Amino acid sequence: AGGSEAVIGLSLIALGTSLPELSTTVVAALRKSSDVAIGNVVGSNLFNILAILGITALLTDIPVDPEFLKFDLWFMFAASILLWLFVLLRATINRTWGVIFLSGYFGYLFVIYQ
């Protein structure tokens, strides 16, 4: 991941800042509002990538460590493609897929902490 600061950002800070999205998405899913649940996840990610990085770059340059290209961005790309396939196929993200998604995230954490 390119250093201990990057690992902290990719894990602990990401988890802490994602807790509001987690609660919103869980409540929306429990209320059978899947469009809100998926929209919240996608919208939050788009805002983080485009708006937050854009606003920050207006204030100061943001060097990008090429190490992110070796694993982290590819992992994010694969997760995005998986979600895109669910939407394209109008599939349901059920408990089995929930376990698979969580296992993927914990596997990702395992790799970046090595």
N, C-alpha and C. Protein backbone atom coordinates (compact mmCIF):
# COMPACT_ATOMS: atom_id res chain seq x y z
N ALA A 1 0.81 -1.20 0.00
CA ALA A 1 0.00 0.00 0.00
C ALA A 1 0.84 1.26 0.00
N GLY A 2 2.14 1.12 0.22
CA GLY A 2 2.98 2.29 0.09
C GLY A 2 3.31 2.97 1.40
N GLY A 3 3.32 2.27 2.50
CA GLY A 3 3.73 2.89 3.75
C GLY A 3 2.66 2.83 4.81
N SER A 4 3.10 3.02 6.05
CA SER A 4 2.18 2.88 7.17
C SER A 4 1.07 3.92 7.17
N GLU A 5 1.36 5.15 6.72
CA GLU A 5 0.30 6.17 6.66
C GLU A 5 -0.79 5.76 5.68
N ALA A 6 -0.38 5.19 4.55
CA ALA A 6 -1.36 4.73 3.57
C ALA A 6 -2.22 3.60 4.14
N VAL A 7 -1.59 2.68 4.85
CA VAL A 7 -2.33 1.56 5.44
C VAL A 7 -3.35 2.07 6.45
N ILE A 8 -2.96 3.05 7.25
CA ILE A 8 -3.89 3.64 8.22
C ILE A 8 -5.06 4.29 7.49
N GLY A 9 -4.78 5.03 6.42
CA GLY A 9 -5.85 5.66 5.65
C GLY A 9 -6.76 4.65 4.97
N LEU A 10 -6.16 3.57 4.46
CA LEU A 10 -6.92 2.54 3.76
C LEU A 10 -7.75 1.66 4.69
N SER A 11 -7.47 1.70 5.97
CA SER A 11 -8.18 0.81 6.88
C SER A 11 -8.89 1.57 8.00
N LEU A 12 -8.15 2.07 8.95
CA LEU A 12 -8.77 2.67 10.14
C LEU A 12 -9.57 3.92 9.82
N ILE A 13 -8.97 4.85 9.09
CA ILE A 13 -9.69 6.08 8.75
C ILE A 13 -10.86 5.77 7.83
N ALA A 14 -10.64 4.88 6.87
CA ALA A 14 -11.73 4.50 5.96
C ALA A 14 -12.90 3.89 6.73
N LEU A 15 -12.59 3.03 7.69
CA LEU A 15 -13.66 2.42 8.49
C LEU A 15 -14.41 3.48 9.29
N GLY A 16 -13.67 4.35 9.95
CA GLY A 16 -14.31 5.38 10.78
C GLY A 16 -15.19 6.33 9.98
N THR A 17 -14.72 6.74 8.82
CA THR A 17 -15.51 7.68 8.02
C THR A 17 -16.65 6.99 7.29
N SER A 18 -16.63 5.67 7.21
CA SER A 18 -17.69 4.94 6.51
C SER A 18 -18.82 4.49 7.42
N LEU A 19 -18.68 4.66 8.71
CA LEU A 19 -19.74 4.22 9.63
C LEU A 19 -21.09 4.90 9.37
N PRO A 20 -21.13 6.21 9.04
CA PRO A 20 -22.45 6.80 8.70
C PRO A 20 -23.07 6.14 7.46
N GLU A 21 -22.26 5.83 6.44
CA GLU A 21 -22.79 5.15 5.26
C GLU A 21 -23.29 3.76 5.61
N LEU A 22 -22.57 3.08 6.50
CA LEU A 22 -22.99 1.75 6.92
C LEU A 22 -24.37 1.80 7.57
N SER A 23 -24.56 2.72 8.49
CA SER A 23 -25.86 2.79 9.18
C SER A 23 -26.97 3.18 8.21
N THR A 24 -26.71 4.14 7.34
CA THR A 24 -27.72 4.56 6.35
C THR A 24 -28.09 3.41 5.42
N THR A 25 -27.09 2.68 4.96
CA THR A 25 -27.33 1.58 4.02
C THR A 25 -28.08 0.43 4.70
N VAL A 26 -27.72 0.10 5.93
CA VAL A 26 -28.41 -0.97 6.66
C VAL A 26 -29.88 -0.60 6.87
N VAL A 27 -30.14 0.63 7.32
CA VAL A 27 -31.53 1.07 7.54
C VAL A 27 -32.30 1.03 6.23
N ALA A 28 -31.70 1.53 5.15
CA ALA A 28 -32.38 1.52 3.85
C ALA A 28 -32.69 0.10 3.40
N ALA A 29 -31.74 -0.81 3.56
CA ALA A 29 -31.96 -2.20 3.15
C ALA A 29 -33.05 -2.85 4.00
N LEU A 30 -33.04 -2.60 5.30
CA LEU A 30 -34.08 -3.17 6.17
C LEU A 30 -35.46 -2.64 5.82
N ARG A 31 -35.51 -1.43 5.29
CA ARG A 31 -36.79 -0.84 4.86
C ARG A 31 -37.12 -1.20 3.42
N LYS A 32 -36.35 -2.11 2.85
CA LYS A 32 -36.55 -2.57 1.46
C LYS A 32 -36.37 -1.45 0.44
N SER A 33 -35.54 -0.48 0.76
CA SER A 33 -35.22 0.62 -0.15
C SER A 33 -33.85 0.36 -0.77
N SER A 34 -33.79 -0.66 -1.63
CA SER A 34 -32.50 -1.05 -2.18
C SER A 34 -31.87 0.04 -3.03
N ASP A 35 -32.69 0.85 -3.71
CA ASP A 35 -32.13 1.95 -4.50
C ASP A 35 -31.39 2.95 -3.61
N VAL A 36 -31.94 3.22 -2.44
CA VAL A 36 -31.27 4.12 -1.49
C VAL A 36 -29.99 3.46 -0.97
N ALA A 37 -30.06 2.16 -0.66
CA ALA A 37 -28.90 1.45 -0.13
C ALA A 37 -27.74 1.45 -1.13
N ILE A 38 -28.01 1.04 -2.36
CA ILE A 38 -26.96 0.99 -3.39
C ILE A 38 -26.54 2.41 -3.77
N GLY A 39 -27.51 3.31 -3.90
CA GLY A 39 -27.20 4.70 -4.25
C GLY A 39 -26.32 5.36 -3.22
N ASN A 40 -26.53 5.06 -1.95
CA ASN A 40 -25.71 5.62 -0.89
C ASN A 40 -24.26 5.15 -1.02
N VAL A 41 -24.07 3.87 -1.27
CA VAL A 41 -22.72 3.32 -1.41
C VAL A 41 -22.02 3.92 -2.62
N VAL A 42 -22.69 3.90 -3.76
CA VAL A 42 -22.09 4.42 -5.00
C VAL A 42 -21.87 5.93 -4.89
N GLY A 43 -22.89 6.65 -4.42
CA GLY A 43 -22.78 8.10 -4.31
C GLY A 43 -21.68 8.53 -3.37
N SER A 44 -21.54 7.85 -2.26
CA SER A 44 -20.50 8.17 -1.29
C SER A 44 -19.11 7.96 -1.90
N ASN A 45 -18.95 6.85 -2.62
CA ASN A 45 -17.66 6.59 -3.25
C ASN A 45 -17.34 7.60 -4.33
N LEU A 46 -18.33 7.94 -5.14
CA LEU A 46 -18.10 8.95 -6.18
C LEU A 46 -17.76 10.30 -5.56
N PHE A 47 -18.47 10.69 -4.52
CA PHE A 47 -18.19 11.96 -3.85
C PHE A 47 -16.78 11.96 -3.27
N ASN A 48 -16.41 10.87 -2.61
CA ASN A 48 -15.07 10.79 -2.03
C ASN A 48 -13.99 10.91 -3.09
N ILE A 49 -14.15 10.21 -4.20
CA ILE A 49 -13.12 10.21 -5.23
C ILE A 49 -13.10 11.53 -5.99
N LEU A 50 -14.25 12.00 -6.43
CA LEU A 50 -14.29 13.17 -7.30
C LEU A 50 -14.34 14.50 -6.55
N ALA A 51 -15.24 14.65 -5.63
CA ALA A 51 -15.41 15.95 -4.96
C ALA A 51 -14.34 16.19 -3.90
N ILE A 52 -14.12 15.22 -3.03
CA ILE A 52 -13.15 15.45 -1.96
C ILE A 52 -11.75 15.60 -2.52
N LEU A 53 -11.36 14.72 -3.43
CA LEU A 53 -10.04 14.89 -4.04
C LEU A 53 -9.97 16.17 -4.87
N GLY A 54 -11.06 16.50 -5.56
CA GLY A 54 -11.08 17.73 -6.36
C GLY A 54 -10.94 18.98 -5.51
N ILE A 55 -11.70 19.06 -4.43
CA ILE A 55 -11.62 20.23 -3.54
C ILE A 55 -10.24 20.32 -2.90
N THR A 56 -9.73 19.18 -2.44
CA THR A 56 -8.41 19.18 -1.81
C THR A 56 -7.33 19.60 -2.81
N ALA A 57 -7.44 19.13 -4.06
CA ALA A 57 -6.45 19.48 -5.07
C ALA A 57 -6.51 20.96 -5.43
N LEU A 58 -7.67 21.60 -5.25
CA LEU A 58 -7.74 23.04 -5.47
C LEU A 58 -6.92 23.79 -4.42
N LEU A 59 -6.78 23.20 -3.25
CA LEU A 59 -6.07 23.84 -2.15
C LEU A 59 -4.58 23.50 -2.13
N THR A 60 -4.25 22.28 -2.51
CA THR A 60 -2.85 21.85 -2.50
C THR A 60 -2.67 20.64 -3.40
N ASP A 61 -1.48 20.48 -3.94
CA ASP A 61 -1.19 19.32 -4.76
C ASP A 61 -1.24 18.06 -3.90
N ILE A 62 -1.67 16.97 -4.51
CA ILE A 62 -1.75 15.68 -3.82
C ILE A 62 -0.87 14.68 -4.56
N PRO A 63 0.33 14.44 -4.06
CA PRO A 63 1.17 13.43 -4.73
C PRO A 63 0.51 12.05 -4.63
N VAL A 64 0.58 11.28 -5.69
CA VAL A 64 -0.02 9.94 -5.71
C VAL A 64 1.11 8.92 -5.77
N ASP A 65 1.17 8.08 -4.76
CA ASP A 65 2.20 7.05 -4.67
C ASP A 65 1.90 5.95 -5.69
N PRO A 66 2.84 5.64 -6.60
CA PRO A 66 2.59 4.59 -7.60
C PRO A 66 2.32 3.22 -6.98
N GLU A 67 2.66 3.03 -5.72
CA GLU A 67 2.38 1.76 -5.04
C GLU A 67 0.88 1.45 -5.02
N PHE A 68 0.05 2.51 -5.02
CA PHE A 68 -1.40 2.29 -5.03
C PHE A 68 -1.84 1.55 -6.29
N LEU A 69 -1.10 1.73 -7.38
CA LEU A 69 -1.46 1.08 -8.64
C LEU A 69 -1.16 -0.42 -8.63
N LYS A 70 -0.33 -0.85 -7.71
CA LYS A 70 0.07 -2.26 -7.70
C LYS A 70 -1.00 -3.18 -7.13
N PHE A 71 -1.81 -2.68 -6.22
CA PHE A 71 -2.81 -3.56 -5.61
C PHE A 71 -4.11 -2.84 -5.28
N ASP A 72 -4.03 -1.74 -4.56
CA ASP A 72 -5.22 -1.11 -3.98
C ASP A 72 -6.22 -0.65 -5.04
N LEU A 73 -5.76 0.05 -6.07
CA LEU A 73 -6.69 0.52 -7.10
C LEU A 73 -7.27 -0.64 -7.89
N TRP A 74 -6.47 -1.69 -8.12
CA TRP A 74 -6.98 -2.86 -8.83
C TRP A 74 -8.05 -3.56 -8.00
N PHE A 75 -7.85 -3.62 -6.70
CA PHE A 75 -8.84 -4.24 -5.82
C PHE A 75 -10.13 -3.44 -5.83
N MET A 76 -10.01 -2.11 -5.77
CA MET A 76 -11.19 -1.24 -5.82
C MET A 76 -11.90 -1.39 -7.17
N PHE A 77 -11.13 -1.48 -8.24
CA PHE A 77 -11.70 -1.66 -9.57
C PHE A 77 -12.47 -2.98 -9.65
N ALA A 78 -11.90 -4.06 -9.12
CA ALA A 78 -12.57 -5.36 -9.14
C ALA A 78 -13.88 -5.32 -8.34
N ALA A 79 -13.86 -4.67 -7.19
CA ALA A 79 -15.08 -4.56 -6.38
C ALA A 79 -16.14 -3.75 -7.12
N SER A 80 -15.73 -2.71 -7.82
CA SER A 80 -16.67 -1.89 -8.59
C SER A 80 -17.28 -2.68 -9.73
N ILE A 81 -16.46 -3.48 -10.41
CA ILE A 81 -16.96 -4.32 -11.50
C ILE A 81 -17.96 -5.34 -10.96
N LEU A 82 -17.67 -5.92 -9.80
CA LEU A 82 -18.59 -6.88 -9.19
C LEU A 82 -19.94 -6.24 -8.91
N LEU A 83 -19.94 -5.05 -8.33
CA LEU A 83 -21.20 -4.34 -8.07
C LEU A 83 -21.90 -4.02 -9.38
N TRP A 84 -21.15 -3.58 -10.39
CA TRP A 84 -21.72 -3.27 -11.70
C TRP A 84 -22.43 -4.50 -12.28
N LEU A 85 -21.81 -5.68 -12.11
CA LEU A 85 -22.43 -6.91 -12.61
C LEU A 85 -23.75 -7.21 -11.90
N PHE A 86 -23.80 -6.98 -10.60
CA PHE A 86 -25.06 -7.18 -9.87
C PHE A 86 -26.14 -6.26 -10.43
N VAL A 87 -25.79 -5.02 -10.67
CA VAL A 87 -26.77 -4.06 -11.21
C VAL A 87 -27.17 -4.47 -12.62
N LEU A 88 -26.20 -4.78 -13.45
CA LEU A 88 -26.46 -5.16 -14.84
C LEU A 88 -27.36 -6.39 -14.93
N LEU A 89 -27.09 -7.37 -14.09
CA LEU A 89 -27.86 -8.62 -14.12
C LEU A 89 -29.12 -8.58 -13.26
N ARG A 90 -29.35 -7.42 -12.62
CA ARG A 90 -30.49 -7.27 -11.72
C ARG A 90 -30.51 -8.39 -10.66
N ALA A 91 -29.33 -8.71 -10.19
CA ALA A 91 -29.18 -9.78 -9.20
C ALA A 91 -29.41 -9.24 -7.79
N THR A 92 -29.54 -10.15 -6.86
CA THR A 92 -29.74 -9.78 -5.46
C THR A 92 -28.45 -10.03 -4.69
N ILE A 93 -28.07 -9.06 -3.89
CA ILE A 93 -26.92 -9.25 -3.01
C ILE A 93 -27.48 -9.86 -1.72
N ASN A 94 -27.35 -11.18 -1.62
CA ASN A 94 -27.94 -11.91 -0.49
C ASN A 94 -26.89 -12.16 0.59
N ARG A 95 -27.25 -12.96 1.60
CA ARG A 95 -26.34 -13.22 2.71
C ARG A 95 -25.05 -13.89 2.25
N THR A 96 -25.17 -14.81 1.31
CA THR A 96 -23.97 -15.48 0.79
C THR A 96 -23.01 -14.47 0.19
N TRP A 97 -23.55 -13.56 -0.62
CA TRP A 97 -22.70 -12.52 -1.20
C TRP A 97 -22.20 -11.56 -0.13
N GLY A 98 -23.00 -11.34 0.90
CA GLY A 98 -22.53 -10.52 2.01
C GLY A 98 -21.30 -11.12 2.67
N VAL A 99 -21.33 -12.44 2.87
CA VAL A 99 -20.16 -13.13 3.44
C VAL A 99 -18.98 -13.03 2.49
N ILE A 100 -19.23 -13.19 1.19
CA ILE A 100 -18.16 -13.09 0.20
C ILE A 100 -17.57 -11.68 0.20
N PHE A 101 -18.43 -10.67 0.20
CA PHE A 101 -17.94 -9.28 0.22
C PHE A 101 -17.11 -9.01 1.47
N LEU A 102 -17.64 -9.40 2.64
CA LEU A 102 -16.90 -9.18 3.89
C LEU A 102 -15.58 -9.95 3.90
N SER A 103 -15.59 -11.18 3.40
CA SER A 103 -14.36 -11.96 3.32
C SER A 103 -13.35 -11.28 2.41
N GLY A 104 -13.83 -10.72 1.31
CA GLY A 104 -12.95 -9.98 0.42
C GLY A 104 -12.32 -8.79 1.11
N TYR A 105 -13.13 -8.08 1.90
CA TYR A 105 -12.59 -6.91 2.61
C TYR A 105 -11.57 -7.33 3.65
N PHE A 106 -11.89 -8.38 4.42
CA PHE A 106 -10.93 -8.84 5.43
C PHE A 106 -9.67 -9.40 4.78
N GLY A 107 -9.83 -10.04 3.63
CA GLY A 107 -8.66 -10.50 2.87
C GLY A 107 -7.81 -9.32 2.42
N TYR A 108 -8.47 -8.27 1.96
CA TYR A 108 -7.77 -7.05 1.56
C TYR A 108 -7.00 -6.48 2.75
N LEU A 109 -7.65 -6.37 3.91
CA LEU A 109 -6.97 -5.86 5.11
C LEU A 109 -5.77 -6.74 5.46
N PHE A 110 -5.94 -8.04 5.36
CA PHE A 110 -4.84 -8.96 5.65
C PHE A 110 -3.64 -8.66 4.75
N VAL A 111 -3.90 -8.47 3.46
CA VAL A 111 -2.81 -8.21 2.51
C VAL A 111 -2.13 -6.88 2.79
N ILE A 112 -2.90 -5.82 3.04
CA ILE A 112 -2.25 -4.51 3.22
C ILE A 112 -1.51 -4.41 4.54
N TYR A 113 -1.85 -5.25 5.51
CA TYR A 113 -1.13 -5.22 6.78
C TYR A 113 0.10 -6.12 6.79
N GLN A 114 0.37 -6.79 5.68
CA GLN A 114 1.58 -7.64 5.58
C GLN A 114 2.81 -6.82 5.33
